[in-house]
Amino acid sequence: MSAETVIQSLEYIGTNPNIRSGRPHIIGTTIEVSALAIQHIIHQQSVDEIAQDYRLTVSQVYAALAYYYAHKEEIDAAIKAQEDLAEQMKSRSAAGRA
């Protein structure tokens, strides 16, 4: 048996312009990588808890987290943009009620 390195790819993450506006998601779902990263990092949920809550496999959650860390700056910027948009909409709604 040789000691050659075998590279294996876990193909759980996809992007499609028709699903979540092209944001990275778990293939076969509309669950975004960013949602799982937020659950893990901000809400301190374990991988097992996330998998159970979202009805995913542990492998899918780990793949999402690995993808997040490999694309951290890009995904963090997208999260920030979504937060900013939500805040703008909230402010407009509050101004409309005043």
N, C-alpha and C. Protein backbone atom coordinates (compact mmCIF):
# COMPACT_ATOMS: atom_id res chain seq x y z
N MET A 1 0.84 -1.18 0.00
CA MET A 1 0.00 0.00 0.00
C MET A 1 0.89 1.24 0.00
N SER A 2 0.65 2.16 -0.92
CA SER A 2 1.49 3.35 -1.02
C SER A 2 0.98 4.44 -0.09
N ALA A 3 1.84 5.39 0.17
CA ALA A 3 1.51 6.51 1.06
C ALA A 3 1.11 7.74 0.26
N GLU A 4 0.46 7.53 -0.88
CA GLU A 4 0.04 8.65 -1.72
C GLU A 4 -1.14 9.38 -1.09
N THR A 5 -1.14 10.65 -1.28
CA THR A 5 -2.26 11.45 -0.79
C THR A 5 -3.44 11.32 -1.74
N VAL A 6 -4.60 11.08 -1.18
CA VAL A 6 -5.83 11.01 -1.96
C VAL A 6 -6.67 12.22 -1.56
N ILE A 7 -7.02 13.03 -2.54
CA ILE A 7 -7.84 14.21 -2.27
C ILE A 7 -9.29 13.84 -2.52
N GLN A 8 -10.11 14.08 -1.49
CA GLN A 8 -11.53 13.79 -1.60
C GLN A 8 -12.31 15.10 -1.50
N SER A 9 -13.33 15.20 -2.30
CA SER A 9 -14.14 16.42 -2.32
C SER A 9 -15.51 16.12 -1.74
N LEU A 10 -15.96 16.98 -0.83
CA LEU A 10 -17.31 16.88 -0.31
C LEU A 10 -18.15 17.92 -1.04
N GLU A 11 -19.04 17.47 -1.86
CA GLU A 11 -19.79 18.39 -2.70
C GLU A 11 -21.17 18.65 -2.10
N TYR A 12 -21.18 19.34 -0.96
CA TYR A 12 -22.43 19.66 -0.28
C TYR A 12 -22.86 21.10 -0.51
N ILE A 13 -21.96 21.95 -0.98
CA ILE A 13 -22.24 23.37 -1.09
C ILE A 13 -22.38 23.75 -2.56
N GLY A 14 -23.39 24.57 -2.83
CA GLY A 14 -23.59 25.01 -4.20
C GLY A 14 -24.02 26.47 -4.26
N THR A 15 -23.94 27.02 -5.44
CA THR A 15 -24.48 28.35 -5.71
C THR A 15 -25.30 28.24 -6.99
N ASN A 16 -26.42 28.93 -6.99
CA ASN A 16 -27.31 28.93 -8.14
C ASN A 16 -28.03 30.26 -8.12
N PRO A 17 -28.00 31.01 -9.21
CA PRO A 17 -28.65 32.32 -9.20
C PRO A 17 -30.15 32.25 -8.89
N ASN A 18 -30.75 31.09 -9.08
CA ASN A 18 -32.18 30.92 -8.82
C ASN A 18 -32.47 30.50 -7.38
N ILE A 19 -31.44 30.24 -6.60
CA ILE A 19 -31.62 29.84 -5.20
C ILE A 19 -30.90 30.85 -4.33
N ARG A 20 -31.65 31.54 -3.49
CA ARG A 20 -31.11 32.53 -2.56
C ARG A 20 -30.21 33.55 -3.25
N SER A 21 -30.62 33.95 -4.43
CA SER A 21 -29.89 34.97 -5.21
C SER A 21 -28.42 34.60 -5.44
N GLY A 22 -28.15 33.31 -5.51
CA GLY A 22 -26.79 32.86 -5.80
C GLY A 22 -25.89 32.73 -4.59
N ARG A 23 -26.43 32.99 -3.38
CA ARG A 23 -25.60 32.85 -2.18
C ARG A 23 -25.35 31.37 -1.91
N PRO A 24 -24.17 31.02 -1.37
CA PRO A 24 -23.83 29.62 -1.12
C PRO A 24 -24.84 28.97 -0.17
N HIS A 25 -25.24 27.75 -0.53
CA HIS A 25 -26.25 27.03 0.24
C HIS A 25 -25.95 25.54 0.24
N ILE A 26 -26.64 24.81 1.11
CA ILE A 26 -26.53 23.36 1.12
C ILE A 26 -27.30 22.83 -0.09
N ILE A 27 -26.64 22.05 -0.93
CA ILE A 27 -27.27 21.49 -2.12
C ILE A 27 -28.49 20.66 -1.72
N GLY A 28 -29.57 20.86 -2.46
CA GLY A 28 -30.81 20.14 -2.18
C GLY A 28 -31.70 20.86 -1.19
N THR A 29 -31.25 22.02 -0.71
CA THR A 29 -32.02 22.83 0.23
C THR A 29 -31.88 24.29 -0.19
N THR A 30 -32.52 25.15 0.56
CA THR A 30 -32.31 26.59 0.37
C THR A 30 -31.61 27.17 1.60
N ILE A 31 -31.01 26.32 2.40
CA ILE A 31 -30.34 26.75 3.63
C ILE A 31 -28.98 27.33 3.28
N GLU A 32 -28.80 28.60 3.63
CA GLU A 32 -27.55 29.28 3.30
C GLU A 32 -26.42 28.94 4.27
N VAL A 33 -25.22 28.91 3.72
CA VAL A 33 -24.02 28.71 4.53
C VAL A 33 -23.95 29.75 5.64
N SER A 34 -24.29 30.99 5.31
CA SER A 34 -24.21 32.07 6.30
C SER A 34 -25.14 31.81 7.49
N ALA A 35 -26.31 31.24 7.26
CA ALA A 35 -27.24 30.94 8.36
C ALA A 35 -26.63 29.95 9.33
N LEU A 36 -25.97 28.94 8.80
CA LEU A 36 -25.36 27.93 9.67
C LEU A 36 -24.16 28.50 10.41
N ALA A 37 -23.39 29.36 9.74
CA ALA A 37 -22.24 29.99 10.40
C ALA A 37 -22.72 30.88 11.54
N ILE A 38 -23.79 31.63 11.33
CA ILE A 38 -24.34 32.49 12.38
C ILE A 38 -24.80 31.65 13.56
N GLN A 39 -25.48 30.55 13.29
CA GLN A 39 -25.94 29.68 14.38
C GLN A 39 -24.76 29.17 15.21
N HIS A 40 -23.69 28.81 14.53
CA HIS A 40 -22.54 28.23 15.22
C HIS A 40 -21.70 29.28 15.93
N ILE A 41 -21.41 30.38 15.26
CA ILE A 41 -20.50 31.38 15.81
C ILE A 41 -21.19 32.33 16.78
N ILE A 42 -22.31 32.88 16.37
CA ILE A 42 -22.98 33.89 17.20
C ILE A 42 -23.84 33.24 18.28
N HIS A 43 -24.62 32.23 17.89
CA HIS A 43 -25.55 31.62 18.83
C HIS A 43 -24.95 30.43 19.58
N GLN A 44 -23.69 30.13 19.27
CA GLN A 44 -22.94 29.10 19.99
C GLN A 44 -23.60 27.71 19.94
N GLN A 45 -24.29 27.41 18.86
CA GLN A 45 -24.88 26.09 18.72
C GLN A 45 -23.82 25.10 18.25
N SER A 46 -23.91 23.89 18.75
CA SER A 46 -22.98 22.85 18.32
C SER A 46 -23.37 22.37 16.92
N VAL A 47 -22.46 21.68 16.28
CA VAL A 47 -22.74 21.12 14.96
C VAL A 47 -23.92 20.16 15.04
N ASP A 48 -23.96 19.34 16.08
CA ASP A 48 -25.07 18.39 16.24
C ASP A 48 -26.40 19.12 16.40
N GLU A 49 -26.43 20.20 17.17
CA GLU A 49 -27.66 20.98 17.35
C GLU A 49 -28.13 21.59 16.04
N ILE A 50 -27.19 22.15 15.30
CA ILE A 50 -27.52 22.76 14.02
C ILE A 50 -28.08 21.71 13.07
N ALA A 51 -27.41 20.56 13.00
CA ALA A 51 -27.87 19.48 12.12
C ALA A 51 -29.29 19.07 12.48
N GLN A 52 -29.57 18.93 13.76
CA GLN A 52 -30.91 18.54 14.19
C GLN A 52 -31.93 19.63 13.87
N ASP A 53 -31.61 20.88 14.20
CA ASP A 53 -32.55 21.99 13.98
C ASP A 53 -32.89 22.18 12.51
N TYR A 54 -31.91 22.00 11.64
CA TYR A 54 -32.11 22.24 10.20
C TYR A 54 -32.38 20.95 9.42
N ARG A 55 -32.42 19.83 10.12
CA ARG A 55 -32.63 18.52 9.49
C ARG A 55 -31.57 18.23 8.42
N LEU A 56 -30.32 18.45 8.81
CA LEU A 56 -29.17 18.20 7.95
C LEU A 56 -28.33 17.11 8.57
N THR A 57 -27.38 16.60 7.78
CA THR A 57 -26.41 15.67 8.34
C THR A 57 -25.28 16.49 8.97
N VAL A 58 -24.57 15.88 9.87
CA VAL A 58 -23.41 16.53 10.49
C VAL A 58 -22.39 16.87 9.40
N SER A 59 -22.25 16.02 8.41
CA SER A 59 -21.32 16.27 7.31
C SER A 59 -21.70 17.53 6.54
N GLN A 60 -22.98 17.74 6.33
CA GLN A 60 -23.43 18.95 5.63
C GLN A 60 -23.08 20.21 6.43
N VAL A 61 -23.28 20.15 7.73
CA VAL A 61 -22.99 21.31 8.58
C VAL A 61 -21.48 21.58 8.58
N TYR A 62 -20.67 20.54 8.75
CA TYR A 62 -19.22 20.74 8.72
C TYR A 62 -18.77 21.29 7.37
N ALA A 63 -19.37 20.81 6.28
CA ALA A 63 -19.01 21.32 4.96
C ALA A 63 -19.35 22.80 4.85
N ALA A 64 -20.51 23.19 5.38
CA ALA A 64 -20.91 24.60 5.36
C ALA A 64 -19.93 25.45 6.16
N LEU A 65 -19.55 24.97 7.33
CA LEU A 65 -18.61 25.73 8.16
C LEU A 65 -17.23 25.81 7.50
N ALA A 66 -16.80 24.73 6.88
CA ALA A 66 -15.52 24.75 6.17
C ALA A 66 -15.58 25.75 5.01
N TYR A 67 -16.69 25.76 4.29
CA TYR A 67 -16.87 26.71 3.20
C TYR A 67 -16.86 28.13 3.73
N TYR A 68 -17.56 28.35 4.84
CA TYR A 68 -17.59 29.68 5.45
C TYR A 68 -16.18 30.17 5.76
N TYR A 69 -15.39 29.33 6.44
CA TYR A 69 -14.04 29.77 6.82
C TYR A 69 -13.13 29.96 5.61
N ALA A 70 -13.37 29.21 4.54
CA ALA A 70 -12.58 29.39 3.32
C ALA A 70 -12.97 30.66 2.56
N HIS A 71 -14.18 31.18 2.83
CA HIS A 71 -14.70 32.36 2.14
C HIS A 71 -15.20 33.40 3.14
N LYS A 72 -14.56 33.46 4.29
CA LYS A 72 -15.02 34.25 5.43
C LYS A 72 -15.26 35.72 5.09
N GLU A 73 -14.31 36.37 4.48
CA GLU A 73 -14.45 37.80 4.18
C GLU A 73 -15.66 38.06 3.28
N GLU A 74 -15.81 37.27 2.26
CA GLU A 74 -16.92 37.42 1.31
C GLU A 74 -18.28 37.19 2.00
N ILE A 75 -18.37 36.13 2.79
CA ILE A 75 -19.64 35.82 3.45
C ILE A 75 -19.94 36.82 4.56
N ASP A 76 -18.93 37.23 5.31
CA ASP A 76 -19.15 38.25 6.34
C ASP A 76 -19.65 39.56 5.72
N ALA A 77 -19.13 39.92 4.56
CA ALA A 77 -19.57 41.14 3.88
C ALA A 77 -21.03 40.99 3.44
N ALA A 78 -21.42 39.82 2.97
CA ALA A 78 -22.80 39.58 2.55
C ALA A 78 -23.75 39.63 3.76
N ILE A 79 -23.31 39.07 4.89
CA ILE A 79 -24.11 39.12 6.12
C ILE A 79 -24.31 40.58 6.54
N LYS A 80 -23.24 41.36 6.50
CA LYS A 80 -23.30 42.77 6.88
C LYS A 80 -24.25 43.54 5.95
N ALA A 81 -24.18 43.26 4.68
CA ALA A 81 -25.06 43.93 3.71
C ALA A 81 -26.52 43.60 3.99
N GLN A 82 -26.81 42.35 4.33
CA GLN A 82 -28.18 41.95 4.66
C GLN A 82 -28.65 42.64 5.94
N GLU A 83 -27.77 42.73 6.93
CA GLU A 83 -28.11 43.42 8.18
C GLU A 83 -28.39 44.89 7.92
N ASP A 84 -27.57 45.53 7.10
CA ASP A 84 -27.76 46.95 6.77
C ASP A 84 -29.09 47.17 6.05
N LEU A 85 -29.41 46.30 5.10
CA LEU A 85 -30.67 46.41 4.37
C LEU A 85 -31.86 46.24 5.31
N ALA A 86 -31.78 45.27 6.22
CA ALA A 86 -32.85 45.05 7.19
C ALA A 86 -33.04 46.27 8.08
N GLU A 87 -31.94 46.88 8.48
CA GLU A 87 -32.01 48.08 9.33
C GLU A 87 -32.63 49.24 8.56
N GLN A 88 -32.27 49.41 7.30
CA GLN A 88 -32.85 50.47 6.47
C GLN A 88 -34.36 50.27 6.32
N MET A 89 -34.77 49.04 6.09
CA MET A 89 -36.19 48.75 5.92
C MET A 89 -36.95 48.99 7.23
N LYS A 90 -36.33 48.63 8.33
CA LYS A 90 -36.94 48.84 9.64
C LYS A 90 -37.11 50.34 9.91
N SER A 91 -36.09 51.12 9.57
CA SER A 91 -36.15 52.57 9.76
C SER A 91 -37.24 53.20 8.89
N ARG A 92 -37.33 52.77 7.63
CA ARG A 92 -38.35 53.28 6.73
C ARG A 92 -39.74 52.95 7.23
N SER A 93 -39.90 51.73 7.73
CA SER A 93 -41.20 51.30 8.24
C SER A 93 -41.60 52.12 9.46
N ALA A 94 -40.64 52.37 10.35
CA ALA A 94 -40.90 53.17 11.54
C ALA A 94 -41.23 54.62 11.17
N ALA A 95 -40.56 55.15 10.18
CA ALA A 95 -40.82 56.53 9.72
C ALA A 95 -42.19 56.63 9.08
N GLY A 96 -42.62 55.59 8.41
CA GLY A 96 -43.93 55.58 7.76
C GLY A 96 -45.07 55.52 8.76
N ARG A 97 -44.81 54.97 9.93
CA ARG A 97 -45.83 54.88 10.97
C ARG A 97 -45.92 56.15 11.81
N ALA A 98 -44.89 56.99 11.72
CA ALA A 98 -44.85 58.19 12.56
C ALA A 98 -45.69 59.31 12.02
